[in-house]
Amino acid sequence: MKRNRNRNPVAAEPGAAMGRVDRAAQQIAKAGVAAKKKFEEISRHVKALKRQLQENTEGLHAPCLTDTSRHTRT
């Protein structure tokens, strides 16, 4: 009896397409996780810079509020 060899290539095409889609989805998920970690790292850095700026600003404003006689012109 003659075998029908046309089934295998037709059946393989959807499976191969699903494999490619699955691989692409895994790569996107991996990139998303990496982006989230990078975003968290950057946000921590921004918070630290914000805190540092606030501390420096408070240090600059404190002398101006307590002693204004130094800034008057004579």
N, C-alpha and C. Protein backbone atom coordinates (compact mmCIF):
# COMPACT_ATOMS: atom_id res chain seq x y z
N MET A 1 0.83 -1.17 0.00
CA MET A 1 0.00 0.00 0.00
C MET A 1 0.88 1.25 0.00
N LYS A 2 0.51 2.21 -0.76
CA LYS A 2 1.28 3.43 -0.91
C LYS A 2 1.02 4.37 0.27
N ARG A 3 2.11 4.93 0.82
CA ARG A 3 1.97 5.86 1.95
C ARG A 3 1.72 7.27 1.43
N ASN A 4 0.94 7.98 2.13
CA ASN A 4 0.67 9.37 1.78
C ASN A 4 1.66 10.25 2.54
N ARG A 5 2.66 10.73 1.83
CA ARG A 5 3.71 11.53 2.46
C ARG A 5 3.34 13.01 2.56
N ASN A 6 2.20 13.40 2.07
CA ASN A 6 1.81 14.81 2.11
C ASN A 6 1.36 15.25 3.50
N ARG A 7 1.04 14.33 4.38
CA ARG A 7 0.55 14.70 5.70
C ARG A 7 1.65 15.32 6.57
N ASN A 8 2.80 14.76 6.54
CA ASN A 8 3.86 15.20 7.44
C ASN A 8 4.26 16.66 7.24
N PRO A 9 4.55 17.13 6.04
CA PRO A 9 4.92 18.53 5.90
C PRO A 9 3.79 19.48 6.29
N VAL A 10 2.55 19.10 5.97
CA VAL A 10 1.43 19.97 6.31
C VAL A 10 1.26 20.02 7.82
N ALA A 11 1.42 18.92 8.49
CA ALA A 11 1.27 18.89 9.95
C ALA A 11 2.45 19.57 10.63
N ALA A 12 3.60 19.55 10.00
CA ALA A 12 4.78 20.15 10.61
C ALA A 12 4.73 21.68 10.55
N GLU A 13 4.10 22.26 9.57
CA GLU A 13 4.07 23.72 9.44
C GLU A 13 3.40 24.41 10.62
N PRO A 14 2.22 23.98 11.05
CA PRO A 14 1.63 24.64 12.22
C PRO A 14 2.45 24.42 13.49
N GLY A 15 3.03 23.25 13.63
CA GLY A 15 3.86 22.99 14.80
C GLY A 15 5.09 23.87 14.82
N ALA A 16 5.71 24.04 13.67
CA ALA A 16 6.89 24.89 13.58
C ALA A 16 6.52 26.34 13.86
N ALA A 17 5.39 26.77 13.34
CA ALA A 17 4.93 28.13 13.59
C ALA A 17 4.66 28.35 15.07
N MET A 18 4.05 27.38 15.72
CA MET A 18 3.79 27.49 17.16
C MET A 18 5.10 27.53 17.95
N GLY A 19 6.08 26.76 17.50
CA GLY A 19 7.39 26.78 18.16
C GLY A 19 8.06 28.13 18.03
N ARG A 20 7.98 28.73 16.85
CA ARG A 20 8.57 30.06 16.65
C ARG A 20 7.86 31.11 17.51
N VAL A 21 6.55 31.04 17.57
CA VAL A 21 5.78 31.98 18.37
C VAL A 21 6.10 31.81 19.85
N ASP A 22 6.22 30.57 20.29
CA ASP A 22 6.54 30.30 21.69
C ASP A 22 7.92 30.86 22.03
N ARG A 23 8.86 30.65 21.15
CA ARG A 23 10.22 31.16 21.40
C ARG A 23 10.22 32.69 21.44
N ALA A 24 9.51 33.32 20.54
CA ALA A 24 9.43 34.78 20.54
C ALA A 24 8.79 35.28 21.82
N ALA A 25 7.75 34.59 22.29
CA ALA A 25 7.08 34.99 23.53
C ALA A 25 8.03 34.86 24.72
N GLN A 26 8.83 33.82 24.74
CA GLN A 26 9.80 33.64 25.82
C GLN A 26 10.84 34.74 25.81
N GLN A 27 11.31 35.13 24.63
CA GLN A 27 12.29 36.20 24.54
C GLN A 27 11.71 37.53 24.99
N ILE A 28 10.46 37.79 24.63
CA ILE A 28 9.81 39.04 25.05
C ILE A 28 9.62 39.05 26.56
N ALA A 29 9.22 37.93 27.13
CA ALA A 29 9.05 37.85 28.58
C ALA A 29 10.37 38.07 29.30
N LYS A 30 11.43 37.49 28.77
CA LYS A 30 12.75 37.66 29.37
C LYS A 30 13.20 39.11 29.29
N ALA A 31 12.95 39.76 28.17
CA ALA A 31 13.30 41.17 28.01
C ALA A 31 12.48 42.03 28.96
N GLY A 32 11.22 41.67 29.17
CA GLY A 32 10.37 42.41 30.10
C GLY A 32 10.88 42.34 31.52
N VAL A 33 11.33 41.17 31.94
CA VAL A 33 11.88 41.00 33.28
C VAL A 33 13.16 41.84 33.43
N ALA A 34 14.01 41.82 32.42
CA ALA A 34 15.24 42.60 32.47
C ALA A 34 14.93 44.09 32.52
N ALA A 35 13.95 44.53 31.75
CA ALA A 35 13.58 45.95 31.75
C ALA A 35 13.02 46.36 33.11
N LYS A 36 12.25 45.50 33.74
CA LYS A 36 11.69 45.81 35.05
C LYS A 36 12.79 45.95 36.09
N LYS A 37 13.78 45.06 36.05
CA LYS A 37 14.90 45.15 36.99
C LYS A 37 15.68 46.44 36.77
N LYS A 38 15.91 46.80 35.51
CA LYS A 38 16.64 48.02 35.20
C LYS A 38 15.86 49.24 35.67
N PHE A 39 14.53 49.23 35.47
CA PHE A 39 13.69 50.33 35.91
C PHE A 39 13.74 50.49 37.43
N GLU A 40 13.70 49.38 38.17
CA GLU A 40 13.78 49.44 39.63
C GLU A 40 15.12 50.00 40.08
N GLU A 41 16.19 49.60 39.39
CA GLU A 41 17.52 50.10 39.73
C GLU A 41 17.60 51.61 39.49
N ILE A 42 17.06 52.07 38.38
CA ILE A 42 17.08 53.49 38.07
C ILE A 42 16.21 54.27 39.05
N SER A 43 15.06 53.73 39.42
CA SER A 43 14.19 54.44 40.36
C SER A 43 14.84 54.55 41.74
N ARG A 44 15.56 53.51 42.16
CA ARG A 44 16.30 53.60 43.43
C ARG A 44 17.36 54.69 43.36
N HIS A 45 18.04 54.77 42.23
CA HIS A 45 19.09 55.78 42.04
C HIS A 45 18.48 57.18 42.06
N VAL A 46 17.34 57.35 41.42
CA VAL A 46 16.66 58.66 41.39
C VAL A 46 16.22 59.06 42.79
N LYS A 47 15.69 58.11 43.56
CA LYS A 47 15.28 58.41 44.93
C LYS A 47 16.48 58.85 45.78
N ALA A 48 17.61 58.19 45.59
CA ALA A 48 18.81 58.57 46.34
C ALA A 48 19.26 59.98 45.95
N LEU A 49 19.23 60.28 44.66
CA LEU A 49 19.62 61.63 44.22
C LEU A 49 18.65 62.68 44.73
N LYS A 50 17.36 62.35 44.74
CA LYS A 50 16.35 63.28 45.25
C LYS A 50 16.58 63.57 46.73
N ARG A 51 16.86 62.51 47.50
CA ARG A 51 17.13 62.66 48.92
C ARG A 51 18.37 63.52 49.14
N GLN A 52 19.41 63.29 48.35
CA GLN A 52 20.65 64.05 48.46
C GLN A 52 20.41 65.52 48.12
N LEU A 53 19.64 65.78 47.09
CA LEU A 53 19.33 67.15 46.71
C LEU A 53 18.53 67.86 47.80
N GLN A 54 17.59 67.15 48.39
CA GLN A 54 16.79 67.75 49.46
C GLN A 54 17.66 68.09 50.66
N GLU A 55 18.57 67.20 51.03
CA GLU A 55 19.46 67.46 52.17
C GLU A 55 20.35 68.66 51.88
N ASN A 56 20.88 68.75 50.66
CA ASN A 56 21.74 69.87 50.32
C ASN A 56 20.96 71.18 50.28
N THR A 57 19.74 71.13 49.80
CA THR A 57 18.91 72.33 49.74
C THR A 57 18.57 72.82 51.14
N GLU A 58 18.25 71.91 52.05
CA GLU A 58 17.97 72.29 53.43
C GLU A 58 19.19 72.92 54.06
N GLY A 59 20.35 72.40 53.76
CA GLY A 59 21.58 72.97 54.31
C GLY A 59 21.86 74.36 53.78
N LEU A 60 21.46 74.64 52.56
CA LEU A 60 21.68 75.97 51.99
C LEU A 60 20.68 76.98 52.51
N HIS A 61 19.44 76.55 52.73
CA HIS A 61 18.41 77.47 53.17
C HIS A 61 18.51 77.80 54.65
N ALA A 62 19.01 76.91 55.46
CA ALA A 62 19.05 77.11 56.90
C ALA A 62 19.86 78.36 57.30
N PRO A 63 21.08 78.60 56.79
CA PRO A 63 21.83 79.80 57.18
C PRO A 63 21.15 81.09 56.71
N CYS A 64 20.49 81.04 55.58
CA CYS A 64 19.84 82.24 55.04
C CYS A 64 18.68 82.65 55.93
N LEU A 65 17.98 81.71 56.49
CA LEU A 65 16.82 82.03 57.32
C LEU A 65 17.23 82.52 58.70
N THR A 66 18.35 82.09 59.21
CA THR A 66 18.74 82.45 60.57
C THR A 66 19.53 83.75 60.61
N ASP A 67 20.39 84.01 59.66
CA ASP A 67 21.24 85.20 59.71
C ASP A 67 21.12 85.96 58.41
N THR A 68 20.26 86.97 58.37
CA THR A 68 20.07 87.75 57.14
C THR A 68 20.90 89.01 57.15
N SER A 69 21.61 89.30 58.25
CA SER A 69 22.39 90.53 58.31
C SER A 69 23.61 90.48 57.39
N ARG A 70 24.08 89.31 57.07
CA ARG A 70 25.26 89.20 56.20
C ARG A 70 24.95 89.61 54.78
N HIS A 71 23.69 89.52 54.36
CA HIS A 71 23.33 89.74 52.97
C HIS A 71 22.90 91.15 52.67
N THR A 72 22.95 92.06 53.63
CA THR A 72 22.54 93.43 53.37
C THR A 72 23.71 94.22 52.81
N ARG A 73 23.41 95.16 51.94
CA ARG A 73 24.45 96.00 51.36
C ARG A 73 24.67 97.24 52.24
N THR A 74 25.92 97.66 52.29
CA THR A 74 26.22 98.87 53.06
C THR A 74 26.87 99.91 52.20
